[in-house]
């Protein structure tokens, strides 16, 4: 199961107040059913998934330093995701998100 990525998006989260809202990485330049690989470096943060049709269906995953999360084909179509805020004091975190841009 190999993936062919040709771009990387880098996000820095300076502390627990930095986050992103619910969203899907479903931009047209990523094509249909994109596969996205996410590498976390630094502080442990909570990643959440929520079903588009049943917003009560959610999953939470703590992503530690060095973790790799792969969102396979269909995830962006049927789920949204977020990195939540936390009131805890946390160190900075860098996230590398690998994608394949198929057209611009």
PDB file of N, CA and C in Angstrom:
ATOM      1  N   UNK A   1       0.852  -1.167   0.000  1.00  0.00           N
ATOM      2  CA  UNK A   1       0.000   0.000   0.000  1.00  0.00           C
ATOM      3  C   UNK A   1       0.902   1.235   0.000  1.00  0.00           C
ATOM      4  N   UNK A   2       1.310   1.713  -1.157  1.00  0.00           N
ATOM      5  CA  UNK A   2       2.135   2.905  -1.262  1.00  0.00           C
ATOM      6  C   UNK A   2       1.297   4.087  -1.703  1.00  0.00           C
ATOM      7  N   UNK A   3       1.673   5.251  -1.249  1.00  0.00           N
ATOM      8  CA  UNK A   3       0.970   6.472  -1.624  1.00  0.00           C
ATOM      9  C   UNK A   3       1.960   7.411  -2.287  1.00  0.00           C
ATOM     10  N   UNK A   4       1.482   8.163  -3.250  1.00  0.00           N
ATOM     11  CA  UNK A   4       2.306   9.084  -4.009  1.00  0.00           C
ATOM     12  C   UNK A   4       1.890  10.513  -3.642  1.00  0.00           C
ATOM     13  N   UNK A   5       2.655  11.168  -2.777  1.00  0.00           N
ATOM     14  CA  UNK A   5       2.361  12.538  -2.367  1.00  0.00           C
ATOM     15  C   UNK A   5       3.291  13.495  -3.101  1.00  0.00           C
ATOM     16  N   UNK A   6       2.794  14.681  -3.420  1.00  0.00           N
ATOM     17  CA  UNK A   6       3.633  15.664  -4.090  1.00  0.00           C
ATOM     18  C   UNK A   6       3.582  17.044  -3.437  1.00  0.00           C
ATOM     19  N   UNK A   7       2.969  17.130  -2.269  1.00  0.00           N
ATOM     20  CA  UNK A   7       2.947  18.399  -1.547  1.00  0.00           C
ATOM     21  C   UNK A   7       2.834  18.136  -0.045  1.00  0.00           C
ATOM     22  N   UNK A   8       3.266  19.128   0.711  1.00  0.00           N
ATOM     23  CA  UNK A   8       3.152  19.037   2.164  1.00  0.00           C
ATOM     24  C   UNK A   8       2.695  20.391   2.690  1.00  0.00           C
ATOM     25  N   UNK A   9       1.767  20.361   3.622  1.00  0.00           N
ATOM     26  CA  UNK A   9       1.278  21.551   4.306  1.00  0.00           C
ATOM     27  C   UNK A   9       1.798  21.486   5.733  1.00  0.00           C
ATOM     28  N   UNK A  10       2.414  22.562   6.207  1.00  0.00           N
ATOM     29  CA  UNK A  10       2.982  22.600   7.554  1.00  0.00           C
ATOM     30  C   UNK A  10       2.136  23.532   8.410  1.00  0.00           C
ATOM     31  N   UNK A  11       1.681  23.034   9.547  1.00  0.00           N
ATOM     32  CA  UNK A  11       0.944  23.844  10.520  1.00  0.00           C
ATOM     33  C   UNK A  11       1.695  23.852  11.834  1.00  0.00           C
ATOM     34  N   UNK A  12       1.775  25.022  12.449  1.00  0.00           N
ATOM     35  CA  UNK A  12       2.372  25.148  13.779  1.00  0.00           C
ATOM     36  C   UNK A  12       1.267  25.502  14.762  1.00  0.00           C
ATOM     37  N   UNK A  13       1.223  24.775  15.857  1.00  0.00           N
ATOM     38  CA  UNK A  13       0.302  25.043  16.954  1.00  0.00           C
ATOM     39  C   UNK A  13       1.172  25.459  18.137  1.00  0.00           C
ATOM     40  N   UNK A  14       1.131  26.739  18.495  1.00  0.00           N
ATOM     41  CA  UNK A  14       2.037  27.285  19.504  1.00  0.00           C
ATOM     42  C   UNK A  14       1.723  26.811  20.910  1.00  0.00           C
ATOM     43  N   UNK A  15       0.486  26.441  21.157  1.00  0.00           N
ATOM     44  CA  UNK A  15       0.051  25.978  22.470  1.00  0.00           C
ATOM     45  C   UNK A  15      -1.374  25.469  22.382  1.00  0.00           C
ATOM     46  N   UNK A  16      -2.009  25.277  23.536  1.00  0.00           N
ATOM     47  CA  UNK A  16      -3.340  24.698  23.590  1.00  0.00           C
ATOM     48  C   UNK A  16      -4.447  25.539  22.999  1.00  0.00           C
ATOM     49  N   UNK A  17      -4.242  26.830  22.883  1.00  0.00           N
ATOM     50  CA  UNK A  17      -5.272  27.703  22.300  1.00  0.00           C
ATOM     51  C   UNK A  17      -5.306  27.632  20.781  1.00  0.00           C
ATOM     52  N   UNK A  18      -4.192  27.243  20.181  1.00  0.00           N
ATOM     53  CA  UNK A  18      -4.169  27.088  18.724  1.00  0.00           C
ATOM     54  C   UNK A  18      -4.878  25.795  18.350  1.00  0.00           C
ATOM     55  N   UNK A  19      -5.768  25.889  17.373  1.00  0.00           N
ATOM     56  CA  UNK A  19      -6.565  24.735  16.960  1.00  0.00           C
ATOM     57  C   UNK A  19      -7.066  24.995  15.542  1.00  0.00           C
ATOM     58  N   UNK A  20      -7.888  24.080  15.047  1.00  0.00           N
ATOM     59  CA  UNK A  20      -8.626  24.351  13.813  1.00  0.00           C
ATOM     60  C   UNK A  20     -10.041  23.838  14.002  1.00  0.00           C
ATOM     61  N   UNK A  21     -10.978  24.420  13.282  1.00  0.00           N
ATOM     62  CA  UNK A  21     -12.383  24.026  13.405  1.00  0.00           C
ATOM     63  C   UNK A  21     -12.687  22.776  12.592  1.00  0.00           C
ATOM     64  N   UNK A  22     -13.918  22.328  12.719  1.00  0.00           N
ATOM     65  CA  UNK A  22     -14.363  21.161  11.968  1.00  0.00           C
ATOM     66  C   UNK A  22     -14.248  21.456  10.478  1.00  0.00           C
ATOM     67  N   UNK A  23     -13.655  20.544   9.739  1.00  0.00           N
ATOM     68  CA  UNK A  23     -13.500  20.723   8.299  1.00  0.00           C
ATOM     69  C   UNK A  23     -13.157  19.388   7.641  1.00  0.00           C
ATOM     70  N   UNK A  24     -13.239  19.390   6.324  1.00  0.00           N
ATOM     71  CA  UNK A  24     -12.772  18.261   5.511  1.00  0.00           C
ATOM     72  C   UNK A  24     -11.778  18.822   4.505  1.00  0.00           C
ATOM     73  N   UNK A  25     -10.775  18.045   4.195  1.00  0.00           N
ATOM     74  CA  UNK A  25      -9.787  18.433   3.189  1.00  0.00           C
ATOM     75  C   UNK A  25     -10.280  17.917   1.834  1.00  0.00           C
ATOM     76  N   UNK A  26     -11.302  18.587   1.332  1.00  0.00           N
ATOM     77  CA  UNK A  26     -11.967  18.124   0.113  1.00  0.00           C
ATOM     78  C   UNK A  26     -11.853  19.141  -1.020  1.00  0.00           C
ATOM     79  N   UNK A  27     -10.726  19.848  -1.067  1.00  0.00           N
ATOM     80  CA  UNK A  27     -10.504  20.816  -2.122  1.00  0.00           C
ATOM     81  C   UNK A  27     -10.415  20.110  -3.475  1.00  0.00           C
ATOM     82  N   UNK A  28     -10.909  20.764  -4.506  1.00  0.00           N
ATOM     83  CA  UNK A  28     -10.959  20.128  -5.833  1.00  0.00           C
ATOM     84  C   UNK A  28      -9.576  19.742  -6.347  1.00  0.00           C
ATOM     85  N   UNK A  29      -8.526  20.485  -5.984  1.00  0.00           N
ATOM     86  CA  UNK A  29      -7.184  20.164  -6.481  1.00  0.00           C
ATOM     87  C   UNK A  29      -6.630  18.861  -5.909  1.00  0.00           C
ATOM     88  N   UNK A  30      -7.311  18.297  -4.898  1.00  0.00           N
ATOM     89  CA  UNK A  30      -6.882  17.015  -4.329  1.00  0.00           C
ATOM     90  C   UNK A  30      -7.549  15.832  -5.011  1.00  0.00           C
ATOM     91  N   UNK A  31      -8.458  16.109  -5.945  1.00  0.00           N
ATOM     92  CA  UNK A  31      -9.132  15.043  -6.676  1.00  0.00           C
ATOM     93  C   UNK A  31     -10.207  14.369  -5.847  1.00  0.00           C
ATOM     94  N   UNK A  32     -10.757  13.299  -6.418  1.00  0.00           N
ATOM     95  CA  UNK A  32     -11.793  12.533  -5.716  1.00  0.00           C
ATOM     96  C   UNK A  32     -11.154  11.582  -4.721  1.00  0.00           C
ATOM     97  N   UNK A  33     -11.730  11.486  -3.562  1.00  0.00           N
ATOM     98  CA  UNK A  33     -11.290  10.579  -2.502  1.00  0.00           C
ATOM     99  C   UNK A  33      -9.793  10.673  -2.218  1.00  0.00           C
ATOM    100  N   UNK A  34      -9.328  11.864  -1.810  1.00  0.00           N
ATOM    101  CA  UNK A  34      -7.901  12.016  -1.524  1.00  0.00           C
ATOM    102  C   UNK A  34      -7.471  11.204  -0.301  1.00  0.00           C
ATOM    103  N   UNK A  35      -6.213  10.783  -0.326  1.00  0.00           N
ATOM    104  CA  UNK A  35      -5.576  10.156   0.825  1.00  0.00           C
ATOM    105  C   UNK A  35      -4.642  11.190   1.415  1.00  0.00           C
ATOM    106  N   UNK A  36      -4.715  11.378   2.721  1.00  0.00           N
ATOM    107  CA  UNK A  36      -3.897  12.383   3.396  1.00  0.00           C
ATOM    108  C   UNK A  36      -3.153  11.723   4.546  1.00  0.00           C
ATOM    109  N   UNK A  37      -1.860  11.982   4.610  1.00  0.00           N
ATOM    110  CA  UNK A  37      -1.024  11.459   5.696  1.00  0.00           C
ATOM    111  C   UNK A  37      -0.613  12.622   6.579  1.00  0.00           C
ATOM    112  N   UNK A  38      -0.762  12.457   7.873  1.00  0.00           N
ATOM    113  CA  UNK A  38      -0.496  13.519   8.840  1.00  0.00           C
ATOM    114  C   UNK A  38       0.537  13.041   9.862  1.00  0.00           C
ATOM    115  N   UNK A  39       1.658  13.762   9.949  1.00  0.00           N
ATOM    116  CA  UNK A  39       2.713  13.437  10.905  1.00  0.00           C
ATOM    117  C   UNK A  39       2.718  14.506  11.994  1.00  0.00           C
ATOM    118  N   UNK A  40       2.670  14.085  13.251  1.00  0.00           N
ATOM    119  CA  UNK A  40       2.653  15.002  14.393  1.00  0.00           C
ATOM    120  C   UNK A  40       4.010  15.028  15.071  1.00  0.00           C
ATOM    121  N   UNK A  41       4.500  16.227  15.325  1.00  0.00           N
ATOM    122  CA  UNK A  41       5.781  16.417  16.009  1.00  0.00           C
ATOM    123  C   UNK A  41       5.567  17.383  17.166  1.00  0.00           C
ATOM    124  N   UNK A  42       5.995  17.007  18.356  1.00  0.00           N
ATOM    125  CA  UNK A  42       5.836  17.882  19.521  1.00  0.00           C
ATOM    126  C   UNK A  42       4.771  17.378  20.464  1.00  0.00           C
ATOM    127  N   UNK A  43       4.016  18.315  21.019  1.00  0.00           N
ATOM    128  CA  UNK A  43       3.034  18.009  22.071  1.00  0.00           C
ATOM    129  C   UNK A  43       1.931  17.068  21.606  1.00  0.00           C
ATOM    130  N   UNK A  44       1.440  16.263  22.526  1.00  0.00           N
ATOM    131  CA  UNK A  44       0.280  15.407  22.282  1.00  0.00           C
ATOM    132  C   UNK A  44      -0.953  16.304  22.170  1.00  0.00           C
ATOM    133  N   UNK A  45      -1.737  16.091  21.126  1.00  0.00           N
ATOM    134  CA  UNK A  45      -2.988  16.834  20.968  1.00  0.00           C
ATOM    135  C   UNK A  45      -4.095  15.874  20.559  1.00  0.00           C
ATOM    136  N   UNK A  46      -5.321  16.272  20.842  1.00  0.00           N
ATOM    137  CA  UNK A  46      -6.492  15.440  20.542  1.00  0.00           C
ATOM    138  C   UNK A  46      -7.043  15.782  19.160  1.00  0.00           C
ATOM    139  N   UNK A  47      -7.150  14.750  18.335  1.00  0.00           N
ATOM    140  CA  UNK A  47      -7.703  14.818  16.988  1.00  0.00           C
ATOM    141  C   UNK A  47      -9.075  14.172  17.048  1.00  0.00           C
ATOM    142  N   UNK A  48     -10.085  14.825  16.456  1.00  0.00           N
ATOM    143  CA  UNK A  48     -11.441  14.271  16.492  1.00  0.00           C
ATOM    144  C   UNK A  48     -12.000  14.134  15.088  1.00  0.00           C
ATOM    145  N   UNK A  49     -12.791  13.106  14.897  1.00  0.00           N
ATOM    146  CA  UNK A  49     -13.525  12.864  13.660  1.00  0.00           C
ATOM    147  C   UNK A  49     -15.014  12.894  13.971  1.00  0.00           C
ATOM    148  N   UNK A  50     -15.808  13.411  13.036  1.00  0.00           N
ATOM    149  CA  UNK A  50     -17.265  13.458  13.208  1.00  0.00           C
ATOM    150  C   UNK A  50     -17.926  13.127  11.875  1.00  0.00           C
ATOM    151  N   UNK A  51     -18.891  12.231  11.927  1.00  0.00           N
ATOM    152  CA  UNK A  51     -19.617  11.800  10.741  1.00  0.00           C
ATOM    153  C   UNK A  51     -20.468  12.946  10.189  1.00  0.00           C
ATOM    154  N   UNK A  52     -20.457  13.126   8.870  1.00  0.00           N
ATOM    155  CA  UNK A  52     -21.223  14.210   8.239  1.00  0.00           C
ATOM    156  C   UNK A  52     -22.726  14.064   8.415  1.00  0.00           C
ATOM    157  N   UNK A  53     -23.233  12.849   8.353  1.00  0.00           N
ATOM    158  CA  UNK A  53     -24.683  12.634   8.442  1.00  0.00           C
ATOM    159  C   UNK A  53     -25.163  12.515   9.879  1.00  0.00           C
ATOM    160  N   UNK A  54     -24.385  11.870  10.729  1.00  0.00           N
ATOM    161  CA  UNK A  54     -24.753  11.687  12.132  1.00  0.00           C
ATOM    162  C   UNK A  54     -23.693  12.372  12.993  1.00  0.00           C
ATOM    163  N   UNK A  55     -23.918  13.638  13.304  1.00  0.00           N
ATOM    164  CA  UNK A  55     -22.927  14.440  14.033  1.00  0.00           C
ATOM    165  C   UNK A  55     -22.636  13.896  15.430  1.00  0.00           C
ATOM    166  N   UNK A  56     -23.488  13.000  15.940  1.00  0.00           N
ATOM    167  CA  UNK A  56     -23.259  12.381  17.243  1.00  0.00           C
ATOM    168  C   UNK A  56     -22.217  11.271  17.169  1.00  0.00           C
ATOM    169  N   UNK A  57     -21.946  10.786  15.968  1.00  0.00           N
ATOM    170  CA  UNK A  57     -20.948   9.720  15.791  1.00  0.00           C
ATOM    171  C   UNK A  57     -19.571  10.382  15.665  1.00  0.00           C
ATOM    172  N   UNK A  58     -18.785  10.269  16.729  1.00  0.00           N
ATOM    173  CA  UNK A  58     -17.463  10.896  16.766  1.00  0.00           C
ATOM    174  C   UNK A  58     -16.422   9.907  17.285  1.00  0.00           C
ATOM    175  N   UNK A  59     -15.187  10.186  16.944  1.00  0.00           N
ATOM    176  CA  UNK A  59     -14.043   9.427  17.446  1.00  0.00           C
ATOM    177  C   UNK A  59     -12.974  10.424  17.859  1.00  0.00           C
ATOM    178  N   UNK A  60     -12.274  10.126  18.936  1.00  0.00           N
ATOM    179  CA  UNK A  60     -11.178  10.959  19.414  1.00  0.00           C
ATOM    180  C   UNK A  60      -9.901  10.132  19.462  1.00  0.00           C
ATOM    181  N   UNK A  61      -8.810  10.750  19.025  1.00  0.00           N
ATOM    182  CA  UNK A  61      -7.516  10.076  18.995  1.00  0.00           C
ATOM    183  C   UNK A  61      -6.480  11.059  19.522  1.00  0.00           C
ATOM    184  N   UNK A  62      -5.709  10.655  20.518  1.00  0.00           N
ATOM    185  CA  UNK A  62      -4.594  11.478  20.974  1.00  0.00           C
ATOM    186  C   UNK A  62      -3.396  11.168  20.081  1.00  0.00           C
ATOM    187  N   UNK A  63      -2.834  12.220  19.475  1.00  0.00           N
ATOM    188  CA  UNK A  63      -1.719  12.052  18.558  1.00  0.00           C
ATOM    189  C   UNK A  63      -0.420  12.464  19.241  1.00  0.00           C
ATOM    190  N   UNK A  64       0.404  11.492  19.629  1.00  0.00           N
ATOM    191  CA  UNK A  64       1.672  11.810  20.290  1.00  0.00           C
ATOM    192  C   UNK A  64       2.760  12.189  19.284  1.00  0.00           C
ATOM    193  N   UNK A  65       3.874  12.663  19.816  1.00  0.00           N
ATOM    194  CA  UNK A  65       5.039  13.008  18.998  1.00  0.00           C
ATOM    195  C   UNK A  65       5.451  11.820  18.141  1.00  0.00           C
ATOM    196  N   UNK A  66       5.659  12.077  16.855  1.00  0.00           N
ATOM    197  CA  UNK A  66       6.109  11.035  15.945  1.00  0.00           C
ATOM    198  C   UNK A  66       5.005  10.178  15.358  1.00  0.00           C
ATOM    199  N   UNK A  67       3.742  10.470  15.688  1.00  0.00           N
ATOM    200  CA  UNK A  67       2.655   9.628  15.185  1.00  0.00           C
ATOM    201  C   UNK A  67       2.343   9.937  13.721  1.00  0.00           C
ATOM    202  N   UNK A  68       1.849   8.926  13.043  1.00  0.00           N
ATOM    203  CA  UNK A  68       1.414   9.027  11.652  1.00  0.00           C
ATOM    204  C   UNK A  68      -0.049   8.628  11.594  1.00  0.00           C
ATOM    205  N   UNK A  69      -0.875   9.535  11.080  1.00  0.00           N
ATOM    206  CA  UNK A  69      -2.298   9.267  10.890  1.00  0.00           C
ATOM    207  C   UNK A  69      -2.561   9.314   9.397  1.00  0.00           C
ATOM    208  N   UNK A  70      -3.124   8.250   8.846  1.00  0.00           N
ATOM    209  CA  UNK A  70      -3.484   8.235   7.428  1.00  0.00           C
ATOM    210  C   UNK A  70      -4.995   8.268   7.314  1.00  0.00           C
ATOM    211  N   UNK A  71      -5.485   9.295   6.629  1.00  0.00           N
ATOM    212  CA  UNK A  71      -6.912   9.393   6.334  1.00  0.00           C
ATOM    213  C   UNK A  71      -7.084   8.874   4.914  1.00  0.00           C
ATOM    214  N   UNK A  72      -7.637   7.688   4.818  1.00  0.00           N
ATOM    215  CA  UNK A  72      -7.752   6.996   3.543  1.00  0.00           C
ATOM    216  C   UNK A  72      -8.864   7.530   2.666  1.00  0.00           C
ATOM    217  N   UNK A  73      -8.986   6.930   1.494  1.00  0.00           N
ATOM    218  CA  UNK A  73     -10.015   7.311   0.529  1.00  0.00           C
ATOM    219  C   UNK A  73     -11.393   7.237   1.191  1.00  0.00           C
ATOM    220  N   UNK A  74     -12.187   8.267   1.005  1.00  0.00           N
ATOM    221  CA  UNK A  74     -13.538   8.313   1.561  1.00  0.00           C
ATOM    222  C   UNK A  74     -13.653   9.082   2.857  1.00  0.00           C
ATOM    223  N   UNK A  75     -12.573   9.235   3.592  1.00  0.00           N
ATOM    224  CA  UNK A  75     -12.649   9.943   4.876  1.00  0.00           C
ATOM    225  C   UNK A  75     -13.100  11.386   4.667  1.00  0.00           C
ATOM    226  N   UNK A  76     -12.537  12.086   3.700  1.00  0.00           N
ATOM    227  CA  UNK A  76     -12.887  13.493   3.484  1.00  0.00           C
ATOM    228  C   UNK A  76     -14.314  13.654   2.980  1.00  0.00           C
ATOM    229  N   UNK A  77     -14.842  12.624   2.339  1.00  0.00           N
ATOM    230  CA  UNK A  77     -16.204  12.659   1.811  1.00  0.00           C
ATOM    231  C   UNK A  77     -17.250  12.459   2.917  1.00  0.00           C
ATOM    232  N   UNK A  78     -16.956  11.600   3.883  1.00  0.00           N
ATOM    233  CA  UNK A  78     -17.963  11.208   4.871  1.00  0.00           C
ATOM    234  C   UNK A  78     -17.718  11.735   6.279  1.00  0.00           C
ATOM    235  N   UNK A  79     -16.551  12.326   6.521  1.00  0.00           N
ATOM    236  CA  UNK A  79     -16.180  12.766   7.862  1.00  0.00           C
ATOM    237  C   UNK A  79     -15.581  14.171   7.841  1.00  0.00           C
ATOM    238  N   UNK A  80     -15.716  14.862   8.947  1.00  0.00           N
ATOM    239  CA  UNK A  80     -14.993  16.098   9.196  1.00  0.00           C
ATOM    240  C   UNK A  80     -14.020  15.814  10.337  1.00  0.00           C
ATOM    241  N   UNK A  81     -13.005  16.659  10.468  1.00  0.00           N
ATOM    242  CA  UNK A  81     -12.034  16.472  11.546  1.00  0.00           C
ATOM    243  C   UNK A  81     -11.625  17.818  12.116  1.00  0.00           C
ATOM    244  N   UNK A  82     -11.060  17.774  13.322  1.00  0.00           N
ATOM    245  CA  UNK A  82     -10.611  18.974  14.007  1.00  0.00           C
ATOM    246  C   UNK A  82      -9.483  18.621  14.969  1.00  0.00           C
ATOM    247  N   UNK A  83      -8.672  19.608  15.251  1.00  0.00           N
ATOM    248  CA  UNK A  83      -7.709  19.519  16.347  1.00  0.00           C
ATOM    249  C   UNK A  83      -8.254  20.474  17.398  1.00  0.00           C
ATOM    250  N   UNK A  84      -8.657  19.934  18.540  1.00  0.00           N
ATOM    251  CA  UNK A  84      -9.382  20.728  19.527  1.00  0.00           C
ATOM    252  C   UNK A  84      -8.458  21.594  20.376  1.00  0.00           C
ATOM    253  N   UNK A  85      -9.038  22.641  20.915  1.00  0.00           N
ATOM    254  CA  UNK A  85      -8.333  23.472  21.896  1.00  0.00           C
ATOM    255  C   UNK A  85      -8.218  22.702  23.203  1.00  0.00           C
ATOM    256  N   UNK A  86      -7.256  23.097  24.017  1.00  0.00           N
ATOM    257  CA  UNK A  86      -7.143  22.519  25.354  1.00  0.00           C
ATOM    258  C   UNK A  86      -6.730  23.622  26.320  1.00  0.00           C
ATOM    259  N   UNK A  87      -7.262  23.560  27.533  1.00  0.00           N
ATOM    260  CA  UNK A  87      -6.897  24.526  28.563  1.00  0.00           C
ATOM    261  C   UNK A  87      -5.591  24.125  29.251  1.00  0.00           C
ATOM    262  N   UNK A  88      -5.167  22.886  29.026  1.00  0.00           N
ATOM    263  CA  UNK A  88      -3.913  22.424  29.622  1.00  0.00           C
ATOM    264  C   UNK A  88      -2.738  23.177  29.001  1.00  0.00           C
ATOM    265  N   UNK A  89      -1.713  23.370  29.790  1.00  0.00           N
ATOM    266  CA  UNK A  89      -0.483  23.942  29.250  1.00  0.00           C
ATOM    267  C   UNK A  89       0.202  22.867  28.410  1.00  0.00           C
ATOM    268  N   UNK A  90       0.356  23.125  27.125  1.00  0.00           N
ATOM    269  CA  UNK A  90       1.014  22.168  26.243  1.00  0.00           C
ATOM    270  C   UNK A  90       2.121  22.867  25.465  1.00  0.00           C
ATOM    271  N   UNK A  91       3.113  22.097  25.158  1.00  0.00           N
ATOM    272  CA  UNK A  91       4.232  22.590  24.351  1.00  0.00           C
ATOM    273  C   UNK A  91       3.768  22.752  22.896  1.00  0.00           C
ATOM    274  N   UNK A  92       4.556  23.430  22.084  1.00  0.00           N
ATOM    275  CA  UNK A  92       4.201  23.583  20.673  1.00  0.00           C
ATOM    276  C   UNK A  92       4.127  22.249  19.941  1.00  0.00           C
ATOM    277  N   UNK A  93       3.452  22.285  18.814  1.00  0.00           N
ATOM    278  CA  UNK A  93       3.274  21.098  17.970  1.00  0.00           C
ATOM    279  C   UNK A  93       3.394  21.531  16.521  1.00  0.00           C
ATOM    280  N   UNK A  94       4.043  20.720  15.738  1.00  0.00           N
ATOM    281  CA  UNK A  94       4.119  20.906  14.285  1.00  0.00           C
ATOM    282  C   UNK A  94       3.399  19.730  13.647  1.00  0.00           C
ATOM    283  N   UNK A  95       2.607  20.021  12.632  1.00  0.00           N
ATOM    284  CA  UNK A  95       1.910  18.971  11.899  1.00  0.00           C
ATOM    285  C   UNK A  95       2.277  19.081  10.425  1.00  0.00           C
ATOM    286  N   UNK A  96       2.718  17.975   9.862  1.00  0.00           N
ATOM    287  CA  UNK A  96       3.027  17.889   8.435  1.00  0.00           C
ATOM    288  C   UNK A  96       1.930  17.071   7.776  1.00  0.00           C
ATOM    289  N   UNK A  97       1.239  17.670   6.814  1.00  0.00           N
ATOM    290  CA  UNK A  97       0.140  16.997   6.142  1.00  0.00           C
ATOM    291  C   UNK A  97       0.515  16.774   4.684  1.00  0.00           C
ATOM    292  N   UNK A  98       0.710  15.516   4.332  1.00  0.00           N
ATOM    293  CA  UNK A  98       1.121  15.157   2.975  1.00  0.00           C
ATOM    294  C   UNK A  98      -0.093  14.855   2.117  1.00  0.00           C
ATOM    295  N   UNK A  99      -0.095  15.404   0.899  1.00  0.00           N
ATOM    296  CA  UNK A  99      -1.221  15.277  -0.014  1.00  0.00           C
ATOM    297  C   UNK A  99      -0.723  15.100  -1.440  1.00  0.00           C
ATOM    298  N   UNK A 100      -1.608  14.683  -2.304  1.00  0.00           N
ATOM    299  CA  UNK A 100      -1.293  14.654  -3.741  1.00  0.00           C
ATOM    300  C   UNK A 100      -2.197  15.662  -4.435  1.00  0.00           C
ATOM    301  N   UNK A 101      -1.580  16.702  -4.975  1.00  0.00           N
ATOM    302  CA  UNK A 101      -2.322  17.679  -5.760  1.00  0.00           C
ATOM    303  C   UNK A 101      -2.372  17.152  -7.181  1.00  0.00           C
ATOM    304  N   UNK A 102      -3.606  16.989  -7.701  1.00  0.00           N
ATOM    305  CA  UNK A 102      -3.758  16.400  -9.026  1.00  0.00           C
ATOM    306  C   UNK A 102      -3.961  17.455 -10.110  1.00  0.00           C
ATOM    307  N   UNK A 103      -4.449  18.645  -9.746  1.00  0.00           N
ATOM    308  CA  UNK A 103      -4.582  19.762 -10.677  1.00  0.00           C
ATOM    309  C   UNK A 103      -4.802  21.026  -9.876  1.00  0.00           C
ATOM    310  N   UNK A 104      -4.565  22.156 -10.519  1.00  0.00           N
ATOM    311  CA  UNK A 104      -4.761  23.447  -9.810  1.00  0.00           C
ATOM    312  C   UNK A 104      -5.751  24.318 -10.532  1.00  0.00           C
TER     313      UNK A 104
END
